[in-house]
PDB file of all heavy atoms in Angstrom:
ATOM      1  N   PHE A   1       0.808  -1.217   0.000  1.00  0.00           N
ATOM      2  CA  PHE A   1       0.000   0.000   0.000  1.00  0.00           C
ATOM      3  C   PHE A   1       0.847   1.276   0.000  1.00  0.00           C
ATOM      4  O   PHE A   1       0.453   2.295   0.564  1.00  0.00           O
ATOM      5  CB  PHE A   1      -0.962  -0.004   1.196  1.00  0.00           C
ATOM      6  CG  PHE A   1      -1.852  -1.216   1.240  1.00  0.00           C
ATOM      7  CD1 PHE A   1      -1.713  -2.172   2.244  1.00  0.00           C
ATOM      8  CD2 PHE A   1      -2.810  -1.425   0.264  1.00  0.00           C
ATOM      9  CE1 PHE A   1      -2.523  -3.294   2.279  1.00  0.00           C
ATOM     10  CE2 PHE A   1      -3.631  -2.545   0.289  1.00  0.00           C
ATOM     11  CZ  PHE A   1      -3.482  -3.490   1.288  1.00  0.00           C
ATOM     12  N   ASP A   2       2.037   1.189  -0.608  1.00  0.00           N
ATOM     13  CA  ASP A   2       2.927   2.357  -0.767  1.00  0.00           C
ATOM     14  C   ASP A   2       3.216   3.059   0.551  1.00  0.00           C
ATOM     15  O   ASP A   2       3.353   4.291   0.600  1.00  0.00           O
ATOM     16  CB  ASP A   2       2.313   3.368  -1.758  1.00  0.00           C
ATOM     17  CG  ASP A   2       2.195   2.787  -3.163  1.00  0.00           C
ATOM     18  OD1 ASP A   2       3.074   1.997  -3.542  1.00  0.00           O
ATOM     19  OD2 ASP A   2       1.224   3.119  -3.861  1.00  0.00           O
ATOM     20  N   GLY A   3       3.294   2.292   1.624  1.00  0.00           N
ATOM     21  CA  GLY A   3       3.637   2.861   2.920  1.00  0.00           C
ATOM     22  C   GLY A   3       2.510   3.599   3.615  1.00  0.00           C
ATOM     23  O   GLY A   3       2.736   4.297   4.608  1.00  0.00           O
ATOM     24  N   ALA A   4       1.296   3.462   3.088  1.00  0.00           N
ATOM     25  CA  ALA A   4       0.142   4.144   3.702  1.00  0.00           C
ATOM     26  C   ALA A   4      -0.079   3.657   5.125  1.00  0.00           C
ATOM     27  O   ALA A   4       0.242   2.512   5.467  1.00  0.00           O
ATOM     28  CB  ALA A   4      -1.108   3.897   2.866  1.00  0.00           C
ATOM     29  N   GLN A   5      -0.643   4.529   5.943  1.00  0.00           N
ATOM     30  CA  GLN A   5      -0.927   4.175   7.335  1.00  0.00           C
ATOM     31  C   GLN A   5      -2.353   3.658   7.470  1.00  0.00           C
ATOM     32  O   GLN A   5      -3.238   4.000   6.677  1.00  0.00           O
ATOM     33  CB  GLN A   5      -0.757   5.395   8.241  1.00  0.00           C
ATOM     34  CG  GLN A   5       0.664   5.920   8.306  1.00  0.00           C
ATOM     35  CD  GLN A   5       0.793   7.124   9.224  1.00  0.00           C
ATOM     36  OE1 GLN A   5      -0.203   7.676   9.688  1.00  0.00           O
ATOM     37  NE2 GLN A   5       2.009   7.533   9.490  1.00  0.00           N
ATOM     38  N   ASP A   6      -2.575   2.820   8.474  1.00  0.00           N
ATOM     39  CA  ASP A   6      -3.938   2.381   8.783  1.00  0.00           C
ATOM     40  C   ASP A   6      -4.765   3.580   9.233  1.00  0.00           C
ATOM     41  O   ASP A   6      -4.233   4.555   9.783  1.00  0.00           O
ATOM     42  CB  ASP A   6      -3.929   1.349   9.911  1.00  0.00           C
ATOM     43  CG  ASP A   6      -3.447  -0.021   9.449  1.00  0.00           C
ATOM     44  OD1 ASP A   6      -3.144  -0.164   8.246  1.00  0.00           O
ATOM     45  OD2 ASP A   6      -3.367  -0.929  10.291  1.00  0.00           O
ATOM     46  N   TYR A   7      -6.061   3.490   9.012  1.00  0.00           N
ATOM     47  CA  TYR A   7      -6.963   4.506   9.548  1.00  0.00           C
ATOM     48  C   TYR A   7      -6.978   4.414  11.070  1.00  0.00           C
ATOM     49  O   TYR A   7      -6.768   3.339  11.661  1.00  0.00           O
ATOM     50  CB  TYR A   7      -8.382   4.293   9.031  1.00  0.00           C
ATOM     51  CG  TYR A   7      -8.612   4.773   7.616  1.00  0.00           C
ATOM     52  CD1 TYR A   7      -8.379   3.932   6.523  1.00  0.00           C
ATOM     53  CD2 TYR A   7      -9.057   6.067   7.363  1.00  0.00           C
ATOM     54  CE1 TYR A   7      -8.585   4.369   5.223  1.00  0.00           C
ATOM     55  CE2 TYR A   7      -9.270   6.514   6.066  1.00  0.00           C
ATOM     56  CZ  TYR A   7      -9.022   5.658   5.006  1.00  0.00           C
ATOM     57  OH  TYR A   7      -9.228   6.103   3.719  1.00  0.00           O
ATOM     58  N   GLN A   8      -7.269   5.531  11.694  1.00  0.00           N
ATOM     59  CA  GLN A   8      -7.502   5.553  13.132  1.00  0.00           C
ATOM     60  C   GLN A   8      -8.996   5.317  13.375  1.00  0.00           C
ATOM     61  O   GLN A   8      -9.810   5.426  12.459  1.00  0.00           O
ATOM     62  CB  GLN A   8      -7.067   6.889  13.725  1.00  0.00           C
ATOM     63  CG  GLN A   8      -5.600   7.210  13.492  1.00  0.00           C
ATOM     64  CD  GLN A   8      -4.668   6.149  14.049  1.00  0.00           C
ATOM     65  OE1 GLN A   8      -4.749   5.808  15.229  1.00  0.00           O
ATOM     66  NE2 GLN A   8      -3.796   5.621  13.210  1.00  0.00           N
ATOM     67  N   LYS A   9      -9.360   5.032  14.622  1.00  0.00           N
ATOM     68  CA  LYS A   9     -10.773   4.773  14.915  1.00  0.00           C
ATOM     69  C   LYS A   9     -11.157   5.333  16.272  1.00  0.00           C
ATOM     70  O   LYS A   9     -10.321   5.490  17.170  1.00  0.00           O
ATOM     71  CB  LYS A   9     -11.068   3.284  14.861  1.00  0.00           C
ATOM     72  CG  LYS A   9     -10.203   2.424  15.770  1.00  0.00           C
ATOM     73  CD  LYS A   9     -10.480   0.944  15.528  1.00  0.00           C
ATOM     74  CE  LYS A   9      -9.547   0.083  16.375  1.00  0.00           C
ATOM     75  NZ  LYS A   9      -9.768  -1.368  16.125  1.00  0.00           N
ATOM     76  N   ALA A  10     -12.448   5.609  16.401  1.00  0.00           N
ATOM     77  CA  ALA A  10     -12.990   6.043  17.688  1.00  0.00           C
ATOM     78  C   ALA A  10     -13.158   4.818  18.591  1.00  0.00           C
ATOM     79  O   ALA A  10     -13.053   3.670  18.138  1.00  0.00           O
ATOM     80  CB  ALA A  10     -14.319   6.746  17.482  1.00  0.00           C
ATOM     81  N   LYS A  11     -13.425   5.062  19.848  1.00  0.00           N
ATOM     82  CA  LYS A  11     -13.504   3.958  20.805  1.00  0.00           C
ATOM     83  C   LYS A  11     -14.930   3.495  21.089  1.00  0.00           C
ATOM     84  O   LYS A  11     -15.147   2.333  21.428  1.00  0.00           O
ATOM     85  CB  LYS A  11     -12.821   4.364  22.117  1.00  0.00           C
ATOM     86  CG  LYS A  11     -11.326   4.592  21.962  1.00  0.00           C
ATOM     87  CD  LYS A  11     -10.676   4.981  23.284  1.00  0.00           C
ATOM     88  CE  LYS A  11      -9.181   5.194  23.109  1.00  0.00           C
ATOM     89  NZ  LYS A  11      -8.518   5.596  24.389  1.00  0.00           N
ATOM     90  N   VAL A  12     -15.884   4.400  20.970  1.00  0.00           N
ATOM     91  CA  VAL A  12     -17.275   4.047  21.292  1.00  0.00           C
ATOM     92  C   VAL A  12     -18.200   4.553  20.190  1.00  0.00           C
ATOM     93  O   VAL A  12     -17.885   5.528  19.487  1.00  0.00           O
ATOM     94  CB  VAL A  12     -17.714   4.643  22.654  1.00  0.00           C
ATOM     95  CG1 VAL A  12     -16.915   4.030  23.796  1.00  0.00           C
ATOM     96  CG2 VAL A  12     -17.557   6.158  22.652  1.00  0.00           C
ATOM     97  N   PRO A  13     -19.368   3.906  20.022  1.00  0.00           N
ATOM     98  CA  PRO A  13     -20.338   4.380  19.018  1.00  0.00           C
ATOM     99  C   PRO A  13     -20.810   5.794  19.341  1.00  0.00           C
ATOM    100  O   PRO A  13     -20.817   6.221  20.498  1.00  0.00           O
ATOM    101  CB  PRO A  13     -21.491   3.367  19.139  1.00  0.00           C
ATOM    102  CG  PRO A  13     -20.896   2.171  19.788  1.00  0.00           C
ATOM    103  CD  PRO A  13     -19.832   2.683  20.696  1.00  0.00           C
ATOM    104  N   HIS A  14     -21.234   6.504  18.291  1.00  0.00           N
ATOM    105  CA  HIS A  14     -21.693   7.886  18.453  1.00  0.00           C
ATOM    106  C   HIS A  14     -23.115   8.011  17.922  1.00  0.00           C
ATOM    107  O   HIS A  14     -23.453   7.441  16.892  1.00  0.00           O
ATOM    108  CB  HIS A  14     -20.773   8.837  17.680  1.00  0.00           C
ATOM    109  CG  HIS A  14     -21.122  10.280  17.834  1.00  0.00           C
ATOM    110  ND1 HIS A  14     -20.670  11.045  18.884  1.00  0.00           N
ATOM    111  CD2 HIS A  14     -21.898  11.105  17.080  1.00  0.00           C
ATOM    112  CE1 HIS A  14     -21.131  12.278  18.755  1.00  0.00           C
ATOM    113  NE2 HIS A  14     -21.890  12.335  17.669  1.00  0.00           N
ATOM    114  N   ASP A  15     -23.940   8.759  18.644  1.00  0.00           N
ATOM    115  CA  ASP A  15     -25.318   9.015  18.220  1.00  0.00           C
ATOM    116  C   ASP A  15     -25.470  10.468  17.799  1.00  0.00           C
ATOM    117  O   ASP A  15     -24.990  11.379  18.482  1.00  0.00           O
ATOM    118  CB  ASP A  15     -26.308   8.725  19.358  1.00  0.00           C
ATOM    119  CG  ASP A  15     -26.398   7.247  19.695  1.00  0.00           C
ATOM    120  OD1 ASP A  15     -25.984   6.419  18.863  1.00  0.00           O
ATOM    121  OD2 ASP A  15     -26.884   6.918  20.790  1.00  0.00           O
ATOM    122  N   PHE A  16     -26.154  10.674  16.669  1.00  0.00           N
ATOM    123  CA  PHE A  16     -26.556  12.023  16.273  1.00  0.00           C
ATOM    124  C   PHE A  16     -27.954  12.286  16.818  1.00  0.00           C
ATOM    125  O   PHE A  16     -28.834  11.422  16.742  1.00  0.00           O
ATOM    126  CB  PHE A  16     -26.594  12.152  14.749  1.00  0.00           C
ATOM    127  CG  PHE A  16     -25.256  12.028  14.075  1.00  0.00           C
ATOM    128  CD1 PHE A  16     -25.100  11.243  12.940  1.00  0.00           C
ATOM    129  CD2 PHE A  16     -24.147  12.715  14.571  1.00  0.00           C
ATOM    130  CE1 PHE A  16     -23.875  11.138  12.310  1.00  0.00           C
ATOM    131  CE2 PHE A  16     -22.910  12.613  13.951  1.00  0.00           C
ATOM    132  CZ  PHE A  16     -22.775  11.820  12.814  1.00  0.00           C
ATOM    133  N   MET A  17     -28.177  13.469  17.345  1.00  0.00           N
ATOM    134  CA  MET A  17     -29.509  13.836  17.829  1.00  0.00           C
ATOM    135  C   MET A  17     -30.245  14.583  16.714  1.00  0.00           C
ATOM    136  O   MET A  17     -29.851  15.689  16.329  1.00  0.00           O
ATOM    137  CB  MET A  17     -29.404  14.706  19.079  1.00  0.00           C
ATOM    138  CG  MET A  17     -28.811  13.989  20.279  1.00  0.00           C
ATOM    139  SD  MET A  17     -29.771  12.531  20.795  1.00  0.00           S
ATOM    140  CE  MET A  17     -31.312  13.309  21.312  1.00  0.00           C
ATOM    141  N   ILE A  18     -31.289  13.964  16.182  1.00  0.00           N
ATOM    142  CA  ILE A  18     -32.079  14.552  15.107  1.00  0.00           C
ATOM    143  C   ILE A  18     -33.526  14.648  15.572  1.00  0.00           C
ATOM    144  O   ILE A  18     -34.128  13.632  15.942  1.00  0.00           O
ATOM    145  CB  ILE A  18     -31.989  13.699  13.823  1.00  0.00           C
ATOM    146  CG1 ILE A  18     -30.511  13.469  13.438  1.00  0.00           C
ATOM    147  CG2 ILE A  18     -32.744  14.361  12.682  1.00  0.00           C
ATOM    148  CD1 ILE A  18     -30.320  12.552  12.263  1.00  0.00           C
ATOM    149  N   LYS A  19     -34.074  15.839  15.569  1.00  0.00           N
ATOM    150  CA  LYS A  19     -35.437  16.063  16.074  1.00  0.00           C
ATOM    151  C   LYS A  19     -35.581  15.504  17.496  1.00  0.00           C
ATOM    152  O   LYS A  19     -36.573  14.873  17.847  1.00  0.00           O
ATOM    153  CB  LYS A  19     -36.468  15.400  15.159  1.00  0.00           C
ATOM    154  CG  LYS A  19     -36.431  15.852  13.709  1.00  0.00           C
ATOM    155  CD  LYS A  19     -36.973  17.261  13.535  1.00  0.00           C
ATOM    156  CE  LYS A  19     -37.005  17.655  12.072  1.00  0.00           C
ATOM    157  NZ  LYS A  19     -37.506  19.026  11.860  1.00  0.00           N
ATOM    158  N   GLU A  20     -34.509  15.705  18.278  1.00  0.00           N
ATOM    159  CA  GLU A  20     -34.468  15.262  19.686  1.00  0.00           C
ATOM    160  C   GLU A  20     -34.549  13.743  19.827  1.00  0.00           C
ATOM    161  O   GLU A  20     -34.914  13.237  20.886  1.00  0.00           O
ATOM    162  CB  GLU A  20     -35.580  15.942  20.495  1.00  0.00           C
ATOM    163  CG  GLU A  20     -35.468  17.466  20.503  1.00  0.00           C
ATOM    164  CD  GLU A  20     -36.536  18.111  21.373  1.00  0.00           C
ATOM    165  OE1 GLU A  20     -37.425  17.384  21.854  1.00  0.00           O
ATOM    166  OE2 GLU A  20     -36.481  19.338  21.562  1.00  0.00           O
ATOM    167  N   MET A  21     -34.174  13.025  18.779  1.00  0.00           N
ATOM    168  CA  MET A  21     -34.134  11.560  18.835  1.00  0.00           C
ATOM    169  C   MET A  21     -32.729  11.086  18.486  1.00  0.00           C
ATOM    170  O   MET A  21     -32.102  11.624  17.567  1.00  0.00           O
ATOM    171  CB  MET A  21     -35.140  10.954  17.852  1.00  0.00           C
ATOM    172  CG  MET A  21     -36.598  11.264  18.164  1.00  0.00           C
ATOM    173  SD  MET A  21     -37.728  10.574  16.923  1.00  0.00           S
ATOM    174  CE  MET A  21     -37.326  11.585  15.481  1.00  0.00           C
ATOM    175  N   PRO A  22     -32.204  10.075  19.204  1.00  0.00           N
ATOM    176  CA  PRO A  22     -30.852   9.578  18.906  1.00  0.00           C
ATOM    177  C   PRO A  22     -30.844   8.641  17.695  1.00  0.00           C
ATOM    178  O   PRO A  22     -31.681   7.748  17.577  1.00  0.00           O
ATOM    179  CB  PRO A  22     -30.478   8.824  20.188  1.00  0.00           C
ATOM    180  CG  PRO A  22     -31.786   8.383  20.770  1.00  0.00           C
ATOM    181  CD  PRO A  22     -32.789   9.440  20.395  1.00  0.00           C
ATOM    182  N   PHE A  23     -29.891   8.865  16.808  1.00  0.00           N
ATOM    183  CA  PHE A  23     -29.676   8.020  15.647  1.00  0.00           C
ATOM    184  C   PHE A  23     -28.221   7.541  15.687  1.00  0.00           C
ATOM    185  O   PHE A  23     -27.302   8.370  15.612  1.00  0.00           O
ATOM    186  CB  PHE A  23     -29.940   8.779  14.342  1.00  0.00           C
ATOM    187  CG  PHE A  23     -31.389   9.002  14.031  1.00  0.00           C
ATOM    188  CD1 PHE A  23     -32.140   9.931  14.753  1.00  0.00           C
ATOM    189  CD2 PHE A  23     -32.022   8.291  13.023  1.00  0.00           C
ATOM    190  CE1 PHE A  23     -33.476  10.146  14.471  1.00  0.00           C
ATOM    191  CE2 PHE A  23     -33.367   8.501  12.732  1.00  0.00           C
ATOM    192  CZ  PHE A  23     -34.099   9.427  13.461  1.00  0.00           C
ATOM    193  N   ARG A  24     -28.025   6.239  15.822  1.00  0.00           N
ATOM    194  CA  ARG A  24     -26.676   5.694  15.853  1.00  0.00           C
ATOM    195  C   ARG A  24     -25.995   5.870  14.492  1.00  0.00           C
ATOM    196  O   ARG A  24     -26.560   5.558  13.448  1.00  0.00           O
ATOM    197  CB  ARG A  24     -26.750   4.209  16.225  1.00  0.00           C
ATOM    198  CG  ARG A  24     -25.412   3.454  16.264  1.00  0.00           C
ATOM    199  CD  ARG A  24     -24.454   3.960  17.317  1.00  0.00           C
ATOM    200  NE  ARG A  24     -25.054   4.187  18.609  1.00  0.00           N
ATOM    201  CZ  ARG A  24     -25.192   3.246  19.566  1.00  0.00           C
ATOM    202  NH1 ARG A  24     -24.800   2.006  19.333  1.00  0.00           N
ATOM    203  NH2 ARG A  24     -25.718   3.558  20.728  1.00  0.00           N
ATOM    204  N   SER A  25     -24.776   6.386  14.502  1.00  0.00           N
ATOM    205  CA  SER A  25     -24.013   6.563  13.264  1.00  0.00           C
ATOM    206  C   SER A  25     -23.196   5.307  12.971  1.00  0.00           C
ATOM    207  O   SER A  25     -22.493   4.789  13.843  1.00  0.00           O
ATOM    208  CB  SER A  25     -23.070   7.771  13.405  1.00  0.00           C
ATOM    209  OG  SER A  25     -22.197   7.838  12.299  1.00  0.00           O
ATOM    210  N   ALA A  26     -23.284   4.809  11.739  1.00  0.00           N
ATOM    211  CA  ALA A  26     -22.526   3.620  11.332  1.00  0.00           C
ATOM    212  C   ALA A  26     -22.031   3.807   9.911  1.00  0.00           C
ATOM    213  O   ALA A  26     -22.737   4.356   9.063  1.00  0.00           O
ATOM    214  CB  ALA A  26     -23.397   2.366  11.430  1.00  0.00           C
ATOM    215  N   ILE A  27     -20.829   3.327   9.649  1.00  0.00           N
ATOM    216  CA  ILE A  27     -20.228   3.471   8.329  1.00  0.00           C
ATOM    217  C   ILE A  27     -19.921   2.088   7.760  1.00  0.00           C
ATOM    218  O   ILE A  27     -19.055   1.367   8.269  1.00  0.00           O
ATOM    219  CB  ILE A  27     -18.949   4.330   8.387  1.00  0.00           C
ATOM    220  CG1 ILE A  27     -19.252   5.714   8.980  1.00  0.00           C
ATOM    221  CG2 ILE A  27     -18.332   4.475   6.996  1.00  0.00           C
ATOM    222  CD1 ILE A  27     -18.015   6.575   9.217  1.00  0.00           C
TER     223      ILE A  27
END
């Protein structure tokens, strides 16, 4: 991979608050 680095990552899931409701973010 031409010396590319691994991606970094967060430690815990994150929720977006939309219309005062939590929506889990997933990729």
